[in-house]
Amino acid sequence: QEVPAALGQWLQEPLRSCVTARCAGL
């Protein structure tokens, strides 16, 4: 679950939330 910083490449920052389940893709 701890990945290298190089893998933290987001095209757009994810929605800031603590109450909604979200999925992400490549």
mmCIF file of all heavy atoms, coordinates in Angstrom:
data_MODEL
# 
_entry.id   MODEL 
# 
loop_
_atom_site.group_PDB 
_atom_site.id 
_atom_site.type_symbol 
_atom_site.label_atom_id 
_atom_site.label_alt_id 
_atom_site.label_comp_id 
_atom_site.label_asym_id 
_atom_site.label_entity_id 
_atom_site.label_seq_id 
_atom_site.pdbx_PDB_ins_code 
_atom_site.Cartn_x 
_atom_site.Cartn_y 
_atom_site.Cartn_z 
_atom_site.occupancy 
_atom_site.B_iso_or_equiv 
_atom_site.pdbx_formal_charge 
_atom_site.auth_seq_id 
_atom_site.auth_comp_id 
_atom_site.auth_asym_id 
_atom_site.auth_atom_id 
_atom_site.pdbx_PDB_model_num 
ATOM 1   N N   . GLN A 1 1  ? 0.839   -1.199 0.000   1.00 0.00 ? 1  GLN A N   1 
ATOM 2   C CA  . GLN A 1 1  ? 0.000   0.000  0.000   1.00 0.00 ? 1  GLN A CA  1 
ATOM 3   C C   . GLN A 1 1  ? 0.876   1.253  0.000   1.00 0.00 ? 1  GLN A C   1 
ATOM 4   O O   . GLN A 1 1  ? 0.449   2.304  -0.419  1.00 0.00 ? 1  GLN A O   1 
ATOM 5   C CB  . GLN A 1 1  ? -0.949  -0.016 1.197   1.00 0.00 ? 1  GLN A CB  1 
ATOM 6   C CG  . GLN A 1 1  ? -1.885  -1.208 1.211   1.00 0.00 ? 1  GLN A CG  1 
ATOM 7   C CD  . GLN A 1 1  ? -2.722  -1.365 -0.059  1.00 0.00 ? 1  GLN A CD  1 
ATOM 8   O OE1 . GLN A 1 1  ? -3.149  -0.397 -0.671  1.00 0.00 ? 1  GLN A OE1 1 
ATOM 9   N NE2 . GLN A 1 1  ? -2.930  -2.601 -0.469  1.00 0.00 ? 1  GLN A NE2 1 
ATOM 10  N N   . GLU A 1 2  ? 2.092   1.127  0.488   1.00 0.00 ? 2  GLU A N   1 
ATOM 11  C CA  . GLU A 1 2  ? 3.062   2.212  0.408   1.00 0.00 ? 2  GLU A CA  1 
ATOM 12  C C   . GLU A 1 2  ? 3.823   2.017  -0.895  1.00 0.00 ? 2  GLU A C   1 
ATOM 13  O O   . GLU A 1 2  ? 4.516   1.026  -1.070  1.00 0.00 ? 2  GLU A O   1 
ATOM 14  C CB  . GLU A 1 2  ? 4.030   2.157  1.594   1.00 0.00 ? 2  GLU A CB  1 
ATOM 15  C CG  . GLU A 1 2  ? 3.378   2.419  2.927   1.00 0.00 ? 2  GLU A CG  1 
ATOM 16  C CD  . GLU A 1 2  ? 2.851   3.841  3.042   1.00 0.00 ? 2  GLU A CD  1 
ATOM 17  O OE1 . GLU A 1 2  ? 3.504   4.774  2.531   1.00 0.00 ? 2  GLU A OE1 1 
ATOM 18  O OE2 . GLU A 1 2  ? 1.772   4.021  3.634   1.00 0.00 ? 2  GLU A OE2 1 
ATOM 19  N N   . VAL A 1 3  ? 3.667   2.931  -1.820  1.00 0.00 ? 3  VAL A N   1 
ATOM 20  C CA  . VAL A 1 3  ? 4.296   2.799  -3.124  1.00 0.00 ? 3  VAL A CA  1 
ATOM 21  C C   . VAL A 1 3  ? 5.308   3.912  -3.328  1.00 0.00 ? 3  VAL A C   1 
ATOM 22  O O   . VAL A 1 3  ? 5.247   4.945  -2.660  1.00 0.00 ? 3  VAL A O   1 
ATOM 23  C CB  . VAL A 1 3  ? 3.244   2.798  -4.258  1.00 0.00 ? 3  VAL A CB  1 
ATOM 24  C CG1 . VAL A 1 3  ? 2.276   1.640  -4.109  1.00 0.00 ? 3  VAL A CG1 1 
ATOM 25  C CG2 . VAL A 1 3  ? 2.508   4.118  -4.320  1.00 0.00 ? 3  VAL A CG2 1 
ATOM 26  N N   . PRO A 1 4  ? 6.242   3.724  -4.272  1.00 0.00 ? 4  PRO A N   1 
ATOM 27  C CA  . PRO A 1 4  ? 7.215   4.786  -4.541  1.00 0.00 ? 4  PRO A CA  1 
ATOM 28  C C   . PRO A 1 4  ? 6.527   6.074  -5.002  1.00 0.00 ? 4  PRO A C   1 
ATOM 29  O O   . PRO A 1 4  ? 5.477   6.038  -5.644  1.00 0.00 ? 4  PRO A O   1 
ATOM 30  C CB  . PRO A 1 4  ? 8.069   4.204  -5.676  1.00 0.00 ? 4  PRO A CB  1 
ATOM 31  C CG  . PRO A 1 4  ? 7.830   2.738  -5.646  1.00 0.00 ? 4  PRO A CG  1 
ATOM 32  C CD  . PRO A 1 4  ? 6.457   2.538  -5.081  1.00 0.00 ? 4  PRO A CD  1 
ATOM 33  N N   . ALA A 1 5  ? 7.135   7.207  -4.690  1.00 0.00 ? 5  ALA A N   1 
ATOM 34  C CA  . ALA A 1 5  ? 6.568   8.509  -5.063  1.00 0.00 ? 5  ALA A CA  1 
ATOM 35  C C   . ALA A 1 5  ? 6.351   8.604  -6.571  1.00 0.00 ? 5  ALA A C   1 
ATOM 36  O O   . ALA A 1 5  ? 5.414   9.267  -7.022  1.00 0.00 ? 5  ALA A O   1 
ATOM 37  C CB  . ALA A 1 5  ? 7.479   9.630  -4.575  1.00 0.00 ? 5  ALA A CB  1 
ATOM 38  N N   . ALA A 1 6  ? 7.186   7.925  -7.368  1.00 0.00 ? 6  ALA A N   1 
ATOM 39  C CA  . ALA A 1 6  ? 7.051   7.967  -8.830  1.00 0.00 ? 6  ALA A CA  1 
ATOM 40  C C   . ALA A 1 6  ? 5.709   7.425  -9.302  1.00 0.00 ? 6  ALA A C   1 
ATOM 41  O O   . ALA A 1 6  ? 5.259   7.743  -10.398 1.00 0.00 ? 6  ALA A O   1 
ATOM 42  C CB  . ALA A 1 6  ? 8.184   7.182  -9.487  1.00 0.00 ? 6  ALA A CB  1 
ATOM 43  N N   . LEU A 1 7  ? 5.049   6.612  -8.465  1.00 0.00 ? 7  LEU A N   1 
ATOM 44  C CA  . LEU A 1 7  ? 3.745   6.069  -8.842  1.00 0.00 ? 7  LEU A CA  1 
ATOM 45  C C   . LEU A 1 7  ? 2.604   6.996  -8.460  1.00 0.00 ? 7  LEU A C   1 
ATOM 46  O O   . LEU A 1 7  ? 1.449   6.691  -8.714  1.00 0.00 ? 7  LEU A O   1 
ATOM 47  C CB  . LEU A 1 7  ? 3.536   4.696  -8.207  1.00 0.00 ? 7  LEU A CB  1 
ATOM 48  C CG  . LEU A 1 7  ? 4.478   3.601  -8.679  1.00 0.00 ? 7  LEU A CG  1 
ATOM 49  C CD1 . LEU A 1 7  ? 4.104   2.277  -8.058  1.00 0.00 ? 7  LEU A CD1 1 
ATOM 50  C CD2 . LEU A 1 7  ? 4.513   3.501  -10.182 1.00 0.00 ? 7  LEU A CD2 1 
ATOM 51  N N   . GLY A 1 8  ? 2.900   8.127  -7.873  1.00 0.00 ? 8  GLY A N   1 
ATOM 52  C CA  . GLY A 1 8  ? 1.874   9.090  -7.474  1.00 0.00 ? 8  GLY A CA  1 
ATOM 53  C C   . GLY A 1 8  ? 1.563   10.078 -8.582  1.00 0.00 ? 8  GLY A C   1 
ATOM 54  O O   . GLY A 1 8  ? 1.461   11.270 -8.341  1.00 0.00 ? 8  GLY A O   1 
ATOM 55  N N   . GLN A 1 9  ? 1.420   9.604  -9.783  1.00 0.00 ? 9  GLN A N   1 
ATOM 56  C CA  . GLN A 1 9  ? 1.165   10.468 -10.934 1.00 0.00 ? 9  GLN A CA  1 
ATOM 57  C C   . GLN A 1 9  ? -0.327  10.476 -11.257 1.00 0.00 ? 9  GLN A C   1 
ATOM 58  O O   . GLN A 1 9  ? -0.848  9.546  -11.847 1.00 0.00 ? 9  GLN A O   1 
ATOM 59  C CB  . GLN A 1 9  ? 1.975   9.947  -12.137 1.00 0.00 ? 9  GLN A CB  1 
ATOM 60  C CG  . GLN A 1 9  ? 1.889   10.834 -13.343 1.00 0.00 ? 9  GLN A CG  1 
ATOM 61  C CD  . GLN A 1 9  ? 2.934   10.473 -14.364 1.00 0.00 ? 9  GLN A CD  1 
ATOM 62  O OE1 . GLN A 1 9  ? 4.121   10.593 -14.097 1.00 0.00 ? 9  GLN A OE1 1 
ATOM 63  N NE2 . GLN A 1 9  ? 2.508   10.023 -15.520 1.00 0.00 ? 9  GLN A NE2 1 
ATOM 64  N N   . TRP A 1 10 ? -1.000  11.522 -10.839 1.00 0.00 ? 10 TRP A N   1 
ATOM 65  C CA  . TRP A 1 10 ? -2.439  11.679 -11.060 1.00 0.00 ? 10 TRP A CA  1 
ATOM 66  C C   . TRP A 1 10 ? -2.658  12.687 -12.174 1.00 0.00 ? 10 TRP A C   1 
ATOM 67  O O   . TRP A 1 10 ? -2.049  13.762 -12.173 1.00 0.00 ? 10 TRP A O   1 
ATOM 68  C CB  . TRP A 1 10 ? -3.122  12.138 -9.776  1.00 0.00 ? 10 TRP A CB  1 
ATOM 69  C CG  . TRP A 1 10 ? -3.174  11.061 -8.750  1.00 0.00 ? 10 TRP A CG  1 
ATOM 70  C CD1 . TRP A 1 10 ? -2.152  10.681 -7.912  1.00 0.00 ? 10 TRP A CD1 1 
ATOM 71  C CD2 . TRP A 1 10 ? -4.264  10.184 -8.479  1.00 0.00 ? 10 TRP A CD2 1 
ATOM 72  N NE1 . TRP A 1 10 ? -2.555  9.622  -7.135  1.00 0.00 ? 10 TRP A NE1 1 
ATOM 73  C CE2 . TRP A 1 10 ? -3.846  9.293  -7.453  1.00 0.00 ? 10 TRP A CE2 1 
ATOM 74  C CE3 . TRP A 1 10 ? -5.544  10.072 -8.986  1.00 0.00 ? 10 TRP A CE3 1 
ATOM 75  C CZ2 . TRP A 1 10 ? -4.670  8.307  -6.943  1.00 0.00 ? 10 TRP A CZ2 1 
ATOM 76  C CZ3 . TRP A 1 10 ? -6.378  9.087  -8.475  1.00 0.00 ? 10 TRP A CZ3 1 
ATOM 77  C CH2 . TRP A 1 10 ? -5.940  8.220  -7.469  1.00 0.00 ? 10 TRP A CH2 1 
ATOM 78  N N   . LEU A 1 11 ? -3.517  12.370 -13.131 1.00 0.00 ? 11 LEU A N   1 
ATOM 79  C CA  . LEU A 1 11 ? -3.838  13.323 -14.191 1.00 0.00 ? 11 LEU A CA  1 
ATOM 80  C C   . LEU A 1 11 ? -4.654  14.474 -13.640 1.00 0.00 ? 11 LEU A C   1 
ATOM 81  O O   . LEU A 1 11 ? -4.560  15.599 -14.099 1.00 0.00 ? 11 LEU A O   1 
ATOM 82  C CB  . LEU A 1 11 ? -4.605  12.635 -15.322 1.00 0.00 ? 11 LEU A CB  1 
ATOM 83  C CG  . LEU A 1 11 ? -3.789  11.610 -16.097 1.00 0.00 ? 11 LEU A CG  1 
ATOM 84  C CD1 . LEU A 1 11 ? -4.625  10.998 -17.192 1.00 0.00 ? 11 LEU A CD1 1 
ATOM 85  C CD2 . LEU A 1 11 ? -2.529  12.234 -16.667 1.00 0.00 ? 11 LEU A CD2 1 
ATOM 86  N N   . GLN A 1 12 ? -5.454  14.168 -12.651 1.00 0.00 ? 12 GLN A N   1 
ATOM 87  C CA  . GLN A 1 12 ? -6.246  15.165 -11.949 1.00 0.00 ? 12 GLN A CA  1 
ATOM 88  C C   . GLN A 1 12 ? -6.362  14.681 -10.512 1.00 0.00 ? 12 GLN A C   1 
ATOM 89  O O   . GLN A 1 12 ? -6.598  13.501 -10.270 1.00 0.00 ? 12 GLN A O   1 
ATOM 90  C CB  . GLN A 1 12 ? -7.625  15.274 -12.592 1.00 0.00 ? 12 GLN A CB  1 
ATOM 91  C CG  . GLN A 1 12 ? -8.508  16.305 -11.973 1.00 0.00 ? 12 GLN A CG  1 
ATOM 92  C CD  . GLN A 1 12 ? -9.860  16.396 -12.697 1.00 0.00 ? 12 GLN A CD  1 
ATOM 93  O OE1 . GLN A 1 12 ? -10.182 15.574 -13.550 1.00 0.00 ? 12 GLN A OE1 1 
ATOM 94  N NE2 . GLN A 1 12 ? -10.628 17.381 -12.335 1.00 0.00 ? 12 GLN A NE2 1 
ATOM 95  N N   . GLU A 1 13 ? -6.150  15.578 -9.563  1.00 0.00 ? 13 GLU A N   1 
ATOM 96  C CA  . GLU A 1 13 ? -6.229  15.184 -8.163  1.00 0.00 ? 13 GLU A CA  1 
ATOM 97  C C   . GLU A 1 13 ? -7.623  14.621 -7.865  1.00 0.00 ? 13 GLU A C   1 
ATOM 98  O O   . GLU A 1 13 ? -8.629  15.154 -8.336  1.00 0.00 ? 13 GLU A O   1 
ATOM 99  C CB  . GLU A 1 13 ? -5.937  16.362 -7.241  1.00 0.00 ? 13 GLU A CB  1 
ATOM 100 C CG  . GLU A 1 13 ? -4.475  16.748 -7.211  1.00 0.00 ? 13 GLU A CG  1 
ATOM 101 C CD  . GLU A 1 13 ? -3.577  15.647 -6.665  1.00 0.00 ? 13 GLU A CD  1 
ATOM 102 O OE1 . GLU A 1 13 ? -3.962  14.952 -5.698  1.00 0.00 ? 13 GLU A OE1 1 
ATOM 103 O OE2 . GLU A 1 13 ? -2.469  15.480 -7.209  1.00 0.00 ? 13 GLU A OE2 1 
ATOM 104 N N   . PRO A 1 14 ? -7.689  13.532 -7.094  1.00 0.00 ? 14 PRO A N   1 
ATOM 105 C CA  . PRO A 1 14 ? -8.995  12.945 -6.762  1.00 0.00 ? 14 PRO A CA  1 
ATOM 106 C C   . PRO A 1 14 ? -9.812  13.869 -5.865  1.00 0.00 ? 14 PRO A C   1 
ATOM 107 O O   . PRO A 1 14 ? -9.275  14.729 -5.174  1.00 0.00 ? 14 PRO A O   1 
ATOM 108 C CB  . PRO A 1 14 ? -8.639  11.646 -6.041  1.00 0.00 ? 14 PRO A CB  1 
ATOM 109 C CG  . PRO A 1 14 ? -7.221  11.776 -5.636  1.00 0.00 ? 14 PRO A CG  1 
ATOM 110 C CD  . PRO A 1 14 ? -6.580  12.777 -6.530  1.00 0.00 ? 14 PRO A CD  1 
ATOM 111 N N   . LEU A 1 15 ? -11.106 13.659 -5.891  1.00 0.00 ? 15 LEU A N   1 
ATOM 112 C CA  . LEU A 1 15 ? -12.047 14.412 -5.075  1.00 0.00 ? 15 LEU A CA  1 
ATOM 113 C C   . LEU A 1 15 ? -11.653 14.326 -3.605  1.00 0.00 ? 15 LEU A C   1 
ATOM 114 O O   . LEU A 1 15 ? -11.388 13.232 -3.098  1.00 0.00 ? 15 LEU A O   1 
ATOM 115 C CB  . LEU A 1 15 ? -13.453 13.835 -5.270  1.00 0.00 ? 15 LEU A CB  1 
ATOM 116 C CG  . LEU A 1 15 ? -14.587 14.438 -4.480  1.00 0.00 ? 15 LEU A CG  1 
ATOM 117 C CD1 . LEU A 1 15 ? -14.863 15.863 -4.978  1.00 0.00 ? 15 LEU A CD1 1 
ATOM 118 C CD2 . LEU A 1 15 ? -15.835 13.591 -4.642  1.00 0.00 ? 15 LEU A CD2 1 
ATOM 119 N N   . ARG A 1 16 ? -11.596 15.446 -2.919  1.00 0.00 ? 16 ARG A N   1 
ATOM 120 C CA  . ARG A 1 16 ? -11.288 15.450 -1.479  1.00 0.00 ? 16 ARG A CA  1 
ATOM 121 C C   . ARG A 1 16 ? -12.544 15.055 -0.735  1.00 0.00 ? 16 ARG A C   1 
ATOM 122 O O   . ARG A 1 16 ? -13.547 15.756 -0.781  1.00 0.00 ? 16 ARG A O   1 
ATOM 123 C CB  . ARG A 1 16 ? -10.799 16.821 -1.059  1.00 0.00 ? 16 ARG A CB  1 
ATOM 124 C CG  . ARG A 1 16 ? -9.476  17.190 -1.714  1.00 0.00 ? 16 ARG A CG  1 
ATOM 125 C CD  . ARG A 1 16 ? -9.041  18.550 -1.314  1.00 0.00 ? 16 ARG A CD  1 
ATOM 126 N NE  . ARG A 1 16 ? -8.660  18.498 0.091   1.00 0.00 ? 16 ARG A NE  1 
ATOM 127 C CZ  . ARG A 1 16 ? -8.244  19.533 0.776   1.00 0.00 ? 16 ARG A CZ  1 
ATOM 128 N NH1 . ARG A 1 16 ? -8.168  20.705 0.230   1.00 0.00 ? 16 ARG A NH1 1 
ATOM 129 N NH2 . ARG A 1 16 ? -7.914  19.405 2.056   1.00 0.00 ? 16 ARG A NH2 1 
ATOM 130 N N   . SER A 1 17 ? -12.468 13.917 -0.057  1.00 0.00 ? 17 SER A N   1 
ATOM 131 C CA  . SER A 1 17 ? -13.642 13.394 0.636   1.00 0.00 ? 17 SER A CA  1 
ATOM 132 C C   . SER A 1 17 ? -13.224 12.392 1.698   1.00 0.00 ? 17 SER A C   1 
ATOM 133 O O   . SER A 1 17 ? -12.160 11.800 1.617   1.00 0.00 ? 17 SER A O   1 
ATOM 134 C CB  . SER A 1 17 ? -14.554 12.712 -0.389  1.00 0.00 ? 17 SER A CB  1 
ATOM 135 O OG  . SER A 1 17 ? -15.605 12.042 0.263   1.00 0.00 ? 17 SER A OG  1 
ATOM 136 N N   . CYS A 1 18 ? -14.105 12.203 2.674   1.00 0.00 ? 18 CYS A N   1 
ATOM 137 C CA  . CYS A 1 18 ? -13.940 11.146 3.676   1.00 0.00 ? 18 CYS A CA  1 
ATOM 138 C C   . CYS A 1 18 ? -15.217 10.331 3.803   1.00 0.00 ? 18 CYS A C   1 
ATOM 139 O O   . CYS A 1 18 ? -15.346 9.522  4.715   1.00 0.00 ? 18 CYS A O   1 
ATOM 140 C CB  . CYS A 1 18 ? -13.588 11.746 5.039   1.00 0.00 ? 18 CYS A CB  1 
ATOM 141 S SG  . CYS A 1 18 ? -12.018 12.606 5.107   1.00 0.00 ? 18 CYS A SG  1 
ATOM 142 N N   . VAL A 1 19 ? -16.177 10.547 2.917   1.00 0.00 ? 19 VAL A N   1 
ATOM 143 C CA  . VAL A 1 19 ? -17.474 9.893  3.064   1.00 0.00 ? 19 VAL A CA  1 
ATOM 144 C C   . VAL A 1 19 ? -17.953 9.185  1.797   1.00 0.00 ? 19 VAL A C   1 
ATOM 145 O O   . VAL A 1 19 ? -19.025 8.594  1.797   1.00 0.00 ? 19 VAL A O   1 
ATOM 146 C CB  . VAL A 1 19 ? -18.549 10.906 3.515   1.00 0.00 ? 19 VAL A CB  1 
ATOM 147 C CG1 . VAL A 1 19 ? -18.230 11.461 4.896   1.00 0.00 ? 19 VAL A CG1 1 
ATOM 148 C CG2 . VAL A 1 19 ? -18.704 12.028 2.510   1.00 0.00 ? 19 VAL A CG2 1 
ATOM 149 N N   . THR A 1 20 ? -17.164 9.221  0.721   1.00 0.00 ? 20 THR A N   1 
ATOM 150 C CA  . THR A 1 20 ? -17.602 8.646  -0.544  1.00 0.00 ? 20 THR A CA  1 
ATOM 151 C C   . THR A 1 20 ? -16.602 7.613  -1.034  1.00 0.00 ? 20 THR A C   1 
ATOM 152 O O   . THR A 1 20 ? -15.405 7.913  -1.132  1.00 0.00 ? 20 THR A O   1 
ATOM 153 C CB  . THR A 1 20 ? -17.733 9.754  -1.622  1.00 0.00 ? 20 THR A CB  1 
ATOM 154 O OG1 . THR A 1 20 ? -18.594 10.775 -1.124  1.00 0.00 ? 20 THR A OG1 1 
ATOM 155 C CG2 . THR A 1 20 ? -18.295 9.201  -2.905  1.00 0.00 ? 20 THR A CG2 1 
ATOM 156 N N   . ALA A 1 21 ? -17.066 6.418  -1.345  1.00 0.00 ? 21 ALA A N   1 
ATOM 157 C CA  . ALA A 1 21 ? -16.198 5.403  -1.954  1.00 0.00 ? 21 ALA A CA  1 
ATOM 158 C C   . ALA A 1 21 ? -15.896 5.837  -3.380  1.00 0.00 ? 21 ALA A C   1 
ATOM 159 O O   . ALA A 1 21 ? -16.778 6.324  -4.090  1.00 0.00 ? 21 ALA A O   1 
ATOM 160 C CB  . ALA A 1 21 ? -16.883 4.041  -1.946  1.00 0.00 ? 21 ALA A CB  1 
ATOM 161 N N   . ARG A 1 22 ? -14.648 5.690  -3.799  1.00 0.00 ? 22 ARG A N   1 
ATOM 162 C CA  . ARG A 1 22 ? -14.229 6.101  -5.134  1.00 0.00 ? 22 ARG A CA  1 
ATOM 163 C C   . ARG A 1 22 ? -13.303 5.046  -5.731  1.00 0.00 ? 22 ARG A C   1 
ATOM 164 O O   . ARG A 1 22 ? -12.596 4.352  -5.007  1.00 0.00 ? 22 ARG A O   1 
ATOM 165 C CB  . ARG A 1 22 ? -13.491 7.441  -5.088  1.00 0.00 ? 22 ARG A CB  1 
ATOM 166 C CG  . ARG A 1 22 ? -14.261 8.577  -4.455  1.00 0.00 ? 22 ARG A CG  1 
ATOM 167 C CD  . ARG A 1 22 ? -15.461 9.014  -5.227  1.00 0.00 ? 22 ARG A CD  1 
ATOM 168 N NE  . ARG A 1 22 ? -15.031 9.662  -6.452  1.00 0.00 ? 22 ARG A NE  1 
ATOM 169 C CZ  . ARG A 1 22 ? -15.852 10.144 -7.360  1.00 0.00 ? 22 ARG A CZ  1 
ATOM 170 N NH1 . ARG A 1 22 ? -17.150 10.037 -7.193  1.00 0.00 ? 22 ARG A NH1 1 
ATOM 171 N NH2 . ARG A 1 22 ? -15.404 10.731 -8.431  1.00 0.00 ? 22 ARG A NH2 1 
ATOM 172 N N   . CYS A 1 23 ? -13.291 4.965  -7.044  1.00 0.00 ? 23 CYS A N   1 
ATOM 173 C CA  . CYS A 1 23 ? -12.425 4.045  -7.776  1.00 0.00 ? 23 CYS A CA  1 
ATOM 174 C C   . CYS A 1 23 ? -11.532 4.870  -8.695  1.00 0.00 ? 23 CYS A C   1 
ATOM 175 O O   . CYS A 1 23 ? -11.898 5.966  -9.095  1.00 0.00 ? 23 CYS A O   1 
ATOM 176 C CB  . CYS A 1 23 ? -13.253 3.094  -8.630  1.00 0.00 ? 23 CYS A CB  1 
ATOM 177 S SG  . CYS A 1 23 ? -14.506 2.205  -7.705  1.00 0.00 ? 23 CYS A SG  1 
ATOM 178 N N   . ALA A 1 24 ? -10.385 4.318  -9.040  1.00 0.00 ? 24 ALA A N   1 
ATOM 179 C CA  . ALA A 1 24 ? -9.483  4.999  -9.965  1.00 0.00 ? 24 ALA A CA  1 
ATOM 180 C C   . ALA A 1 24 ? -8.948  3.985  -10.969 1.00 0.00 ? 24 ALA A C   1 
ATOM 181 O O   . ALA A 1 24 ? -8.855  2.795  -10.679 1.00 0.00 ? 24 ALA A O   1 
ATOM 182 C CB  . ALA A 1 24 ? -8.335  5.663  -9.211  1.00 0.00 ? 24 ALA A CB  1 
ATOM 183 N N   . GLY A 1 25 ? -8.621  4.484  -12.131 1.00 0.00 ? 25 GLY A N   1 
ATOM 184 C CA  . GLY A 1 25 ? -8.086  3.639  -13.191 1.00 0.00 ? 25 GLY A CA  1 
ATOM 185 C C   . GLY A 1 25 ? -6.784  4.196  -13.725 1.00 0.00 ? 25 GLY A C   1 
ATOM 186 O O   . GLY A 1 25 ? -6.360  5.292  -13.360 1.00 0.00 ? 25 GLY A O   1 
ATOM 187 N N   . LEU A 1 26 ? -6.163  3.434  -14.598 1.00 0.00 ? 26 LEU A N   1 
ATOM 188 C CA  . LEU A 1 26 ? -4.927  3.833  -15.263 1.00 0.00 ? 26 LEU A CA  1 
ATOM 189 C C   . LEU A 1 26 ? -5.317  4.473  -16.587 1.00 0.00 ? 26 LEU A C   1 
ATOM 190 O O   . LEU A 1 26 ? -5.895  3.814  -17.455 1.00 0.00 ? 26 LEU A O   1 
ATOM 191 C CB  . LEU A 1 26 ? -4.035  2.607  -15.492 1.00 0.00 ? 26 LEU A CB  1 
ATOM 192 C CG  . LEU A 1 26 ? -2.748  2.843  -16.250 1.00 0.00 ? 26 LEU A CG  1 
ATOM 193 C CD1 . LEU A 1 26 ? -1.851  3.831  -15.511 1.00 0.00 ? 26 LEU A CD1 1 
ATOM 194 C CD2 . LEU A 1 26 ? -2.019  1.524  -16.459 1.00 0.00 ? 26 LEU A CD2 1 
# 
